[in-house]
């Protein structure tokens, strides 16, 4: 159990750090529980640039019979997306090979690689396997116009500008449909400071990176059956960061606050708990590292 928790925390930290560079963020649904996560999805380029979406990732489902990384996690879009490979009618299901085809899934996939595949799907929709027939039809119509107008010798920027021009009707429809997400996104403000115009500080990201390295080393030791070294997390330098203060986020109504018993159980599951008093990061601990 401790090894699994360590693996999940490592996946979480790695995705948190990668997301800062690649346009997404990840947060635990319940503080201290590393089984379920929300993902803030923000494409940086292409037809969906500027849109914000929330995904839900569950590492255990089917009554515990399906567990990541032996099976793919269950991922759905919570917000509405107008996309060829995402079903609105089926609750945000994603038509992606590694998620729907067990033969395409391998346990070496981590949270970061899964999210990258979804990002790629937004850059290159798969019209051969549509989940939204109307979106697929509109996409193909715009794509045909683009292909008829693109000429050899165009620069990358010229092609990008032409694509945006040809796909303008599709972009307009997609943006109109996602307007209904604005109210829904407010429910996730306490999970993602980006939704309220805030950013993570350099100190916070450095602290996350140091913690990730320690978990990575610990996982490597467990795989090689080497004796575990003591892994401790130093307390944040309050003097160096005394000017960075942010009030702790308020929990949403739908997010259940862990009870004292569940918190105790979660604490008992942490690896080397006796020697490692501060292993798993919590939202309350890191709140002071977010810039206003």
C-alpha atoms as a PDB file:
ATOM      1  CA  UNK A   1       0.000   0.000   0.000  1.00  0.00           C
ATOM      2  CA  UNK A   2       2.846   2.379   0.871  1.00  0.00           C
ATOM      3  CA  UNK A   3       4.580   1.689  -2.455  1.00  0.00           C
ATOM      4  CA  UNK A   4       1.378   2.421  -4.363  1.00  0.00           C
ATOM      5  CA  UNK A   5       0.860   5.684  -2.502  1.00  0.00           C
ATOM      6  CA  UNK A   6       4.458   6.673  -3.192  1.00  0.00           C
ATOM      7  CA  UNK A   7       3.961   5.905  -6.908  1.00  0.00           C
ATOM      8  CA  UNK A   8       0.768   7.976  -7.084  1.00  0.00           C
ATOM      9  CA  UNK A   9       2.362  10.948  -5.327  1.00  0.00           C
ATOM     10  CA  UNK A  10       5.325  10.772  -7.715  1.00  0.00           C
ATOM     11  CA  UNK A  11       2.941  10.784 -10.705  1.00  0.00           C
ATOM     12  CA  UNK A  12       1.084  13.739  -9.231  1.00  0.00           C
ATOM     13  CA  UNK A  13       4.241  15.787  -8.609  1.00  0.00           C
ATOM     14  CA  UNK A  14       5.651  15.032 -12.052  1.00  0.00           C
ATOM     15  CA  UNK A  15       2.412  16.084 -13.754  1.00  0.00           C
ATOM     16  CA  UNK A  16       2.241  19.215 -11.606  1.00  0.00           C
ATOM     17  CA  UNK A  17       5.706  20.276 -12.743  1.00  0.00           C
ATOM     18  CA  UNK A  18       5.221  19.298 -16.405  1.00  0.00           C
ATOM     19  CA  UNK A  19       1.893  21.092 -16.533  1.00  0.00           C
ATOM     20  CA  UNK A  20       3.509  24.401 -15.676  1.00  0.00           C
ATOM     21  CA  UNK A  21       5.353  24.226 -19.014  1.00  0.00           C
ATOM     22  CA  UNK A  22       2.717  22.496 -21.119  1.00  0.00           C
ATOM     23  CA  UNK A  23      -0.518  24.281 -20.284  1.00  0.00           C
ATOM     24  CA  UNK A  24      -2.289  22.198 -17.646  1.00  0.00           C
ATOM     25  CA  UNK A  25      -2.452  21.716 -13.887  1.00  0.00           C
ATOM     26  CA  UNK A  26      -3.492  18.891 -11.586  1.00  0.00           C
ATOM     27  CA  UNK A  27      -4.976  18.804  -8.065  1.00  0.00           C
ATOM     28  CA  UNK A  28      -6.279  16.152  -5.685  1.00  0.00           C
ATOM     29  CA  UNK A  29     -10.064  15.965  -5.477  1.00  0.00           C
ATOM     30  CA  UNK A  30      -9.722  15.443  -1.724  1.00  0.00           C
ATOM     31  CA  UNK A  31      -6.731  16.775   0.141  1.00  0.00           C
ATOM     32  CA  UNK A  32      -4.299  13.975   0.975  1.00  0.00           C
ATOM     33  CA  UNK A  33      -6.110  11.423  -1.236  1.00  0.00           C
ATOM     34  CA  UNK A  34      -4.031  10.582  -4.302  1.00  0.00           C
ATOM     35  CA  UNK A  35      -6.562   8.331  -6.018  1.00  0.00           C
ATOM     36  CA  UNK A  36      -8.702  10.975  -7.737  1.00  0.00           C
ATOM     37  CA  UNK A  37      -7.641  14.193  -9.424  1.00  0.00           C
ATOM     38  CA  UNK A  38      -8.952  17.219 -11.266  1.00  0.00           C
ATOM     39  CA  UNK A  39      -6.991  18.515 -14.244  1.00  0.00           C
ATOM     40  CA  UNK A  40      -7.158  22.066 -15.531  1.00  0.00           C
ATOM     41  CA  UNK A  41      -6.721  21.855 -19.286  1.00  0.00           C
ATOM     42  CA  UNK A  42      -5.624  24.988 -21.198  1.00  0.00           C
ATOM     43  CA  UNK A  43      -4.471  24.480 -24.813  1.00  0.00           C
ATOM     44  CA  UNK A  44      -1.760  27.023 -25.625  1.00  0.00           C
ATOM     45  CA  UNK A  45      -2.060  26.861 -29.417  1.00  0.00           C
ATOM     46  CA  UNK A  46      -4.439  25.782 -32.168  1.00  0.00           C
ATOM     47  CA  UNK A  47      -8.199  25.914 -32.531  1.00  0.00           C
ATOM     48  CA  UNK A  48      -8.879  25.647 -28.788  1.00  0.00           C
ATOM     49  CA  UNK A  49      -6.381  28.271 -27.631  1.00  0.00           C
ATOM     50  CA  UNK A  50      -7.770  30.274 -24.730  1.00  0.00           C
ATOM     51  CA  UNK A  51     -10.360  27.706 -23.660  1.00  0.00           C
ATOM     52  CA  UNK A  52     -10.301  26.289 -20.131  1.00  0.00           C
ATOM     53  CA  UNK A  53     -11.584  22.845 -19.295  1.00  0.00           C
ATOM     54  CA  UNK A  54     -11.707  20.524 -16.290  1.00  0.00           C
ATOM     55  CA  UNK A  55     -11.075  16.785 -16.478  1.00  0.00           C
ATOM     56  CA  UNK A  56     -11.619  14.162 -13.797  1.00  0.00           C
ATOM     57  CA  UNK A  57      -9.028  11.386 -13.444  1.00  0.00           C
ATOM     58  CA  UNK A  58      -9.739   8.302 -11.337  1.00  0.00           C
ATOM     59  CA  UNK A  59      -6.980   5.744 -10.704  1.00  0.00           C
ATOM     60  CA  UNK A  60      -9.331   3.122  -9.212  1.00  0.00           C
ATOM     61  CA  UNK A  61     -12.758   2.133 -10.525  1.00  0.00           C
ATOM     62  CA  UNK A  62     -14.992  -0.892 -11.190  1.00  0.00           C
ATOM     63  CA  UNK A  63     -15.096  -1.551  -7.472  1.00  0.00           C
ATOM     64  CA  UNK A  64     -11.311  -1.485  -7.235  1.00  0.00           C
ATOM     65  CA  UNK A  65     -10.836  -4.114  -9.949  1.00  0.00           C
ATOM     66  CA  UNK A  66      -9.255  -1.604 -12.315  1.00  0.00           C
ATOM     67  CA  UNK A  67      -6.199   0.119 -10.918  1.00  0.00           C
ATOM     68  CA  UNK A  68      -3.637   2.422 -12.491  1.00  0.00           C
ATOM     69  CA  UNK A  69      -0.952   1.716 -13.721  1.00  0.00           C
ATOM     70  CA  UNK A  70      -2.008  -1.849 -14.565  1.00  0.00           C
ATOM     71  CA  UNK A  71      -5.029  -0.453 -16.381  1.00  0.00           C
ATOM     72  CA  UNK A  72      -5.621   2.981 -17.850  1.00  0.00           C
ATOM     73  CA  UNK A  73      -7.159   5.503 -15.458  1.00  0.00           C
ATOM     74  CA  UNK A  74     -10.717   6.630 -16.114  1.00  0.00           C
ATOM     75  CA  UNK A  75     -10.622  10.174 -17.522  1.00  0.00           C
ATOM     76  CA  UNK A  76     -13.583  12.292 -18.606  1.00  0.00           C
ATOM     77  CA  UNK A  77     -14.147  15.967 -19.353  1.00  0.00           C
ATOM     78  CA  UNK A  78     -16.277  17.607 -16.679  1.00  0.00           C
ATOM     79  CA  UNK A  79     -16.761  20.708 -18.824  1.00  0.00           C
ATOM     80  CA  UNK A  80     -18.403  20.680 -22.252  1.00  0.00           C
ATOM     81  CA  UNK A  81     -16.055  20.436 -25.253  1.00  0.00           C
ATOM     82  CA  UNK A  82     -16.923  20.699 -28.942  1.00  0.00           C
ATOM     83  CA  UNK A  83     -14.461  18.148 -30.294  1.00  0.00           C
ATOM     84  CA  UNK A  84     -14.533  15.300 -32.783  1.00  0.00           C
ATOM     85  CA  UNK A  85     -13.266  12.737 -30.269  1.00  0.00           C
ATOM     86  CA  UNK A  86     -15.095  13.856 -27.122  1.00  0.00           C
ATOM     87  CA  UNK A  87     -18.704  12.903 -26.492  1.00  0.00           C
ATOM     88  CA  UNK A  88     -21.057  15.450 -24.963  1.00  0.00           C
ATOM     89  CA  UNK A  89     -23.901  12.923 -24.749  1.00  0.00           C
ATOM     90  CA  UNK A  90     -21.760  10.305 -22.968  1.00  0.00           C
ATOM     91  CA  UNK A  91     -20.562  12.601 -20.200  1.00  0.00           C
ATOM     92  CA  UNK A  92     -17.264  13.767 -21.634  1.00  0.00           C
ATOM     93  CA  UNK A  93     -15.815  10.391 -22.620  1.00  0.00           C
ATOM     94  CA  UNK A  94     -12.631  10.620 -24.710  1.00  0.00           C
ATOM     95  CA  UNK A  95     -12.033   8.485 -27.779  1.00  0.00           C
ATOM     96  CA  UNK A  96      -8.309   7.875 -27.327  1.00  0.00           C
ATOM     97  CA  UNK A  97      -6.623   4.549 -28.072  1.00  0.00           C
ATOM     98  CA  UNK A  98      -4.610   4.247 -24.877  1.00  0.00           C
ATOM     99  CA  UNK A  99      -7.736   4.885 -22.787  1.00  0.00           C
ATOM    100  CA  UNK A 100     -10.302   2.736 -24.594  1.00  0.00           C
ATOM    101  CA  UNK A 101      -8.165  -0.113 -26.002  1.00  0.00           C
ATOM    102  CA  UNK A 102      -6.570  -2.351 -23.369  1.00  0.00           C
ATOM    103  CA  UNK A 103      -4.064  -3.664 -25.919  1.00  0.00           C
ATOM    104  CA  UNK A 104      -2.712  -0.142 -26.446  1.00  0.00           C
ATOM    105  CA  UNK A 105      -2.186   0.546 -22.759  1.00  0.00           C
ATOM    106  CA  UNK A 106       1.168  -0.112 -21.073  1.00  0.00           C
ATOM    107  CA  UNK A 107       1.929   0.357 -17.346  1.00  0.00           C
ATOM    108  CA  UNK A 108       4.839   2.676 -18.153  1.00  0.00           C
ATOM    109  CA  UNK A 109       2.389   5.459 -19.052  1.00  0.00           C
ATOM    110  CA  UNK A 110       2.145   8.108 -16.358  1.00  0.00           C
ATOM    111  CA  UNK A 111      -0.197  11.042 -15.747  1.00  0.00           C
ATOM    112  CA  UNK A 112       1.982  13.393 -17.802  1.00  0.00           C
ATOM    113  CA  UNK A 113       2.121  11.139 -20.865  1.00  0.00           C
ATOM    114  CA  UNK A 114      -1.659  10.590 -20.770  1.00  0.00           C
ATOM    115  CA  UNK A 115      -2.361  14.324 -20.619  1.00  0.00           C
ATOM    116  CA  UNK A 116       0.118  14.935 -23.459  1.00  0.00           C
ATOM    117  CA  UNK A 117      -1.832  12.476 -25.605  1.00  0.00           C
ATOM    118  CA  UNK A 118      -5.038  14.388 -24.900  1.00  0.00           C
ATOM    119  CA  UNK A 119      -3.304  17.672 -25.763  1.00  0.00           C
ATOM    120  CA  UNK A 120      -2.139  16.122 -29.021  1.00  0.00           C
ATOM    121  CA  UNK A 121      -5.702  15.050 -29.750  1.00  0.00           C
ATOM    122  CA  UNK A 122      -6.695  18.714 -29.609  1.00  0.00           C
ATOM    123  CA  UNK A 123      -3.986  19.530 -32.138  1.00  0.00           C
ATOM    124  CA  UNK A 124      -4.759  16.566 -34.388  1.00  0.00           C
ATOM    125  CA  UNK A 125      -8.341  15.255 -34.046  1.00  0.00           C
ATOM    126  CA  UNK A 126      -8.936  11.709 -35.285  1.00  0.00           C
ATOM    127  CA  UNK A 127     -11.876  11.908 -37.701  1.00  0.00           C
ATOM    128  CA  UNK A 128     -11.570   8.205 -38.450  1.00  0.00           C
ATOM    129  CA  UNK A 129     -13.029   7.482 -35.009  1.00  0.00           C
ATOM    130  CA  UNK A 130     -15.424  10.314 -34.102  1.00  0.00           C
ATOM    131  CA  UNK A 131     -17.317  10.524 -30.812  1.00  0.00           C
ATOM    132  CA  UNK A 132     -19.172  13.680 -31.857  1.00  0.00           C
ATOM    133  CA  UNK A 133     -20.577  13.346 -35.367  1.00  0.00           C
ATOM    134  CA  UNK A 134     -21.578  17.010 -35.743  1.00  0.00           C
ATOM    135  CA  UNK A 135     -18.182  18.306 -34.626  1.00  0.00           C
ATOM    136  CA  UNK A 136     -16.477  15.814 -36.932  1.00  0.00           C
ATOM    137  CA  UNK A 137     -18.546  16.941 -39.930  1.00  0.00           C
ATOM    138  CA  UNK A 138     -17.818  20.617 -39.257  1.00  0.00           C
ATOM    139  CA  UNK A 139     -14.124  19.900 -38.801  1.00  0.00           C
ATOM    140  CA  UNK A 140     -13.880  17.971 -42.075  1.00  0.00           C
ATOM    141  CA  UNK A 141     -15.635  20.789 -43.981  1.00  0.00           C
ATOM    142  CA  UNK A 142     -13.150  23.363 -42.701  1.00  0.00           C
ATOM    143  CA  UNK A 143     -10.232  21.023 -43.277  1.00  0.00           C
ATOM    144  CA  UNK A 144     -11.188  20.549 -46.933  1.00  0.00           C
ATOM    145  CA  UNK A 145     -11.209  24.301 -47.476  1.00  0.00           C
ATOM    146  CA  UNK A 146      -7.817  24.613 -45.798  1.00  0.00           C
ATOM    147  CA  UNK A 147      -6.287  21.839 -47.919  1.00  0.00           C
ATOM    148  CA  UNK A 148      -7.631  23.440 -51.107  1.00  0.00           C
ATOM    149  CA  UNK A 149      -6.016  26.774 -50.289  1.00  0.00           C
ATOM    150  CA  UNK A 150      -2.683  25.802 -48.772  1.00  0.00           C
ATOM    151  CA  UNK A 151       0.199  25.970 -51.251  1.00  0.00           C
ATOM    152  CA  UNK A 152       3.738  24.698 -51.291  1.00  0.00           C
ATOM    153  CA  UNK A 153       6.300  27.193 -50.056  1.00  0.00           C
ATOM    154  CA  UNK A 154       4.126  28.744 -47.331  1.00  0.00           C
ATOM    155  CA  UNK A 155       5.865  29.557 -44.081  1.00  0.00           C
ATOM    156  CA  UNK A 156       4.710  27.918 -40.870  1.00  0.00           C
ATOM    157  CA  UNK A 157       3.083  31.170 -39.738  1.00  0.00           C
ATOM    158  CA  UNK A 158       1.309  31.594 -43.078  1.00  0.00           C
ATOM    159  CA  UNK A 159      -0.115  28.082 -42.799  1.00  0.00           C
ATOM    160  CA  UNK A 160      -1.205  28.682 -39.207  1.00  0.00           C
ATOM    161  CA  UNK A 161      -2.933  31.944 -40.156  1.00  0.00           C
ATOM    162  CA  UNK A 162      -4.666  30.274 -43.100  1.00  0.00           C
ATOM    163  CA  UNK A 163      -5.832  27.401 -40.897  1.00  0.00           C
ATOM    164  CA  UNK A 164      -7.349  29.793 -38.373  1.00  0.00           C
ATOM    165  CA  UNK A 165      -9.122  31.584 -41.218  1.00  0.00           C
ATOM    166  CA  UNK A 166     -10.507  28.390 -42.737  1.00  0.00           C
ATOM    167  CA  UNK A 167     -11.534  26.979 -39.360  1.00  0.00           C
ATOM    168  CA  UNK A 168     -13.182  30.220 -38.190  1.00  0.00           C
ATOM    169  CA  UNK A 169     -16.738  28.715 -38.329  1.00  0.00           C
ATOM    170  CA  UNK A 170     -15.608  25.710 -36.274  1.00  0.00           C
ATOM    171  CA  UNK A 171     -13.824  27.916 -33.714  1.00  0.00           C
ATOM    172  CA  UNK A 172     -16.901  30.131 -33.388  1.00  0.00           C
ATOM    173  CA  UNK A 173     -19.162  27.151 -32.673  1.00  0.00           C
ATOM    174  CA  UNK A 174     -16.676  25.647 -30.206  1.00  0.00           C
ATOM    175  CA  UNK A 175     -16.354  28.920 -28.286  1.00  0.00           C
ATOM    176  CA  UNK A 176     -20.119  29.448 -28.157  1.00  0.00           C
ATOM    177  CA  UNK A 177     -20.681  25.964 -26.765  1.00  0.00           C
ATOM    178  CA  UNK A 178     -17.997  26.353 -24.100  1.00  0.00           C
ATOM    179  CA  UNK A 179     -19.508  29.604 -22.794  1.00  0.00           C
ATOM    180  CA  UNK A 180     -21.757  27.474 -20.613  1.00  0.00           C
ATOM    181  CA  UNK A 181     -18.616  26.340 -18.747  1.00  0.00           C
ATOM    182  CA  UNK A 182     -17.962  29.778 -17.236  1.00  0.00           C
ATOM    183  CA  UNK A 183     -20.237  29.228 -14.240  1.00  0.00           C
ATOM    184  CA  UNK A 184     -19.020  25.652 -13.754  1.00  0.00           C
ATOM    185  CA  UNK A 185     -15.373  26.745 -13.626  1.00  0.00           C
ATOM    186  CA  UNK A 186     -16.090  28.860 -10.543  1.00  0.00           C
ATOM    187  CA  UNK A 187     -16.498  25.639  -8.570  1.00  0.00           C
ATOM    188  CA  UNK A 188     -12.828  24.848  -9.155  1.00  0.00           C
ATOM    189  CA  UNK A 189     -11.274  28.167  -8.113  1.00  0.00           C
ATOM    190  CA  UNK A 190      -9.978  26.687  -4.856  1.00  0.00           C
ATOM    191  CA  UNK A 191      -8.171  23.948  -6.781  1.00  0.00           C
ATOM    192  CA  UNK A 192      -6.548  26.073  -9.468  1.00  0.00           C
ATOM    193  CA  UNK A 193      -5.259  29.613  -8.745  1.00  0.00           C
ATOM    194  CA  UNK A 194      -4.918  30.189 -12.512  1.00  0.00           C
ATOM    195  CA  UNK A 195      -8.701  30.492 -12.731  1.00  0.00           C
ATOM    196  CA  UNK A 196      -8.524  33.624 -10.589  1.00  0.00           C
ATOM    197  CA  UNK A 197      -5.501  35.140 -12.332  1.00  0.00           C
ATOM    198  CA  UNK A 198      -2.853  33.887  -9.899  1.00  0.00           C
ATOM    199  CA  UNK A 199       0.356  31.984 -10.623  1.00  0.00           C
ATOM    200  CA  UNK A 200       2.596  29.632  -8.700  1.00  0.00           C
ATOM    201  CA  UNK A 201       5.723  31.284  -7.376  1.00  0.00           C
ATOM    202  CA  UNK A 202       9.245  30.152  -8.295  1.00  0.00           C
ATOM    203  CA  UNK A 203       9.787  29.080  -4.666  1.00  0.00           C
ATOM    204  CA  UNK A 204       6.724  26.859  -4.752  1.00  0.00           C
ATOM    205  CA  UNK A 205       7.789  25.181  -8.005  1.00  0.00           C
ATOM    206  CA  UNK A 206      11.337  24.658  -6.723  1.00  0.00           C
ATOM    207  CA  UNK A 207       9.981  23.039  -3.568  1.00  0.00           C
ATOM    208  CA  UNK A 208       7.781  20.745  -5.672  1.00  0.00           C
ATOM    209  CA  UNK A 209      10.744  19.787  -7.841  1.00  0.00           C
ATOM    210  CA  UNK A 210      12.882  18.892  -4.810  1.00  0.00           C
ATOM    211  CA  UNK A 211      10.065  16.790  -3.401  1.00  0.00           C
ATOM    212  CA  UNK A 212       9.575  15.041  -6.760  1.00  0.00           C
ATOM    213  CA  UNK A 213      13.281  14.140  -6.919  1.00  0.00           C
ATOM    214  CA  UNK A 214      13.108  12.577  -3.471  1.00  0.00           C
ATOM    215  CA  UNK A 215      10.068  10.485  -4.384  1.00  0.00           C
ATOM    216  CA  UNK A 216      11.723   9.453  -7.647  1.00  0.00           C
ATOM    217  CA  UNK A 217      14.810   8.269  -5.768  1.00  0.00           C
ATOM    218  CA  UNK A 218      12.634   6.424  -3.277  1.00  0.00           C
ATOM    219  CA  UNK A 219      10.734   4.621  -6.051  1.00  0.00           C
ATOM    220  CA  UNK A 220      14.011   3.605  -7.687  1.00  0.00           C
ATOM    221  CA  UNK A 221      15.228   2.206  -4.381  1.00  0.00           C
ATOM    222  CA  UNK A 222      12.032   0.206  -3.922  1.00  0.00           C
ATOM    223  CA  UNK A 223      12.293  -1.243  -7.429  1.00  0.00           C
ATOM    224  CA  UNK A 224      15.867  -2.362  -6.826  1.00  0.00           C
ATOM    225  CA  UNK A 225      15.024  -3.637  -3.322  1.00  0.00           C
ATOM    226  CA  UNK A 226      17.740  -1.410  -1.955  1.00  0.00           C
ATOM    227  CA  UNK A 227      17.550  -0.283   1.695  1.00  0.00           C
ATOM    228  CA  UNK A 228      15.374   2.789   2.005  1.00  0.00           C
ATOM    229  CA  UNK A 229      17.077   6.028   2.874  1.00  0.00           C
ATOM    230  CA  UNK A 230      15.381   8.491   5.126  1.00  0.00           C
ATOM    231  CA  UNK A 231      13.389  10.936   3.023  1.00  0.00           C
ATOM    232  CA  UNK A 232      12.419  14.129   4.741  1.00  0.00           C
ATOM    233  CA  UNK A 233      11.040  17.389   3.463  1.00  0.00           C
ATOM    234  CA  UNK A 234      12.468  20.522   5.018  1.00  0.00           C
ATOM    235  CA  UNK A 235      10.016  23.138   6.144  1.00  0.00           C
ATOM    236  CA  UNK A 236       9.636  26.060   3.727  1.00  0.00           C
ATOM    237  CA  UNK A 237      11.946  28.989   4.318  1.00  0.00           C
ATOM    238  CA  UNK A 238       9.562  31.488   5.863  1.00  0.00           C
ATOM    239  CA  UNK A 239      12.102  34.308   5.848  1.00  0.00           C
ATOM    240  CA  UNK A 240      12.812  33.936   2.142  1.00  0.00           C
ATOM    241  CA  UNK A 241       9.133  33.904   1.320  1.00  0.00           C
ATOM    242  CA  UNK A 242       7.623  36.176   3.938  1.00  0.00           C
ATOM    243  CA  UNK A 243       6.246  38.512   1.274  1.00  0.00           C
ATOM    244  CA  UNK A 244       4.334  35.730  -0.470  1.00  0.00           C
ATOM    245  CA  UNK A 245       1.016  35.198   1.264  1.00  0.00           C
ATOM    246  CA  UNK A 246      -2.264  33.879   0.018  1.00  0.00           C
ATOM    247  CA  UNK A 247      -5.243  32.914   2.097  1.00  0.00           C
ATOM    248  CA  UNK A 248      -5.937  29.204   2.176  1.00  0.00           C
ATOM    249  CA  UNK A 249      -8.525  28.304  -0.479  1.00  0.00           C
ATOM    250  CA  UNK A 250     -12.090  27.643   0.523  1.00  0.00           C
ATOM    251  CA  UNK A 251     -13.344  24.174  -0.267  1.00  0.00           C
ATOM    252  CA  UNK A 252     -16.201  23.726  -2.709  1.00  0.00           C
ATOM    253  CA  UNK A 253     -19.494  22.436  -1.450  1.00  0.00           C
ATOM    254  CA  UNK A 254     -19.261  19.315  -3.568  1.00  0.00           C
ATOM    255  CA  UNK A 255     -15.776  18.426  -2.409  1.00  0.00           C
ATOM    256  CA  UNK A 256     -16.061  16.424   0.793  1.00  0.00           C
ATOM    257  CA  UNK A 257     -13.693  17.473   3.511  1.00  0.00           C
ATOM    258  CA  UNK A 258     -11.747  14.488   4.839  1.00  0.00           C
ATOM    259  CA  UNK A 259     -12.859  13.390   8.257  1.00  0.00           C
ATOM    260  CA  UNK A 260     -10.465  13.071  11.147  1.00  0.00           C
ATOM    261  CA  UNK A 261     -10.524   9.284  10.815  1.00  0.00           C
ATOM    262  CA  UNK A 262      -9.902   9.290   7.041  1.00  0.00           C
ATOM    263  CA  UNK A 263      -7.073  11.783   7.508  1.00  0.00           C
ATOM    264  CA  UNK A 264      -5.569   9.532  10.126  1.00  0.00           C
ATOM    265  CA  UNK A 265      -5.803   6.525   7.824  1.00  0.00           C
ATOM    266  CA  UNK A 266      -4.228   8.447   4.966  1.00  0.00           C
ATOM    267  CA  UNK A 267      -1.382   9.496   7.263  1.00  0.00           C
ATOM    268  CA  UNK A 268      -0.788   5.915   8.349  1.00  0.00           C
ATOM    269  CA  UNK A 269      -0.413   4.803   4.737  1.00  0.00           C
ATOM    270  CA  UNK A 270       2.492   7.134   4.000  1.00  0.00           C
ATOM    271  CA  UNK A 271       5.823   5.351   3.478  1.00  0.00           C
ATOM    272  CA  UNK A 272       8.268   5.388   6.414  1.00  0.00           C
ATOM    273  CA  UNK A 273       5.823   7.501   8.402  1.00  0.00           C
ATOM    274  CA  UNK A 274       7.823   7.327  11.601  1.00  0.00           C
ATOM    275  CA  UNK A 275      10.887   8.963  10.088  1.00  0.00           C
ATOM    276  CA  UNK A 276       9.217  11.030   7.401  1.00  0.00           C
ATOM    277  CA  UNK A 277       6.800  13.415   8.978  1.00  0.00           C
ATOM    278  CA  UNK A 278       6.309  15.579   5.882  1.00  0.00           C
ATOM    279  CA  UNK A 279       6.191  13.497   2.752  1.00  0.00           C
ATOM    280  CA  UNK A 280       2.858  14.136   1.055  1.00  0.00           C
ATOM    281  CA  UNK A 281       2.223  17.764   0.026  1.00  0.00           C
ATOM    282  CA  UNK A 282      -1.131  19.307   0.909  1.00  0.00           C
ATOM    283  CA  UNK A 283      -2.948  22.277  -0.555  1.00  0.00           C
ATOM    284  CA  UNK A 284      -2.939  24.092   2.808  1.00  0.00           C
ATOM    285  CA  UNK A 285       0.815  23.700   3.151  1.00  0.00           C
ATOM    286  CA  UNK A 286       1.574  25.079  -0.260  1.00  0.00           C
ATOM    287  CA  UNK A 287      -0.982  27.904  -0.184  1.00  0.00           C
ATOM    288  CA  UNK A 288       1.607  30.440   0.995  1.00  0.00           C
ATOM    289  CA  UNK A 289       3.658  29.775  -2.122  1.00  0.00           C
ATOM    290  CA  UNK A 290       1.080  31.193  -4.510  1.00  0.00           C
ATOM    291  CA  UNK A 291       1.483  34.752  -5.717  1.00  0.00           C
ATOM    292  CA  UNK A 292      -1.392  37.170  -5.500  1.00  0.00           C
END
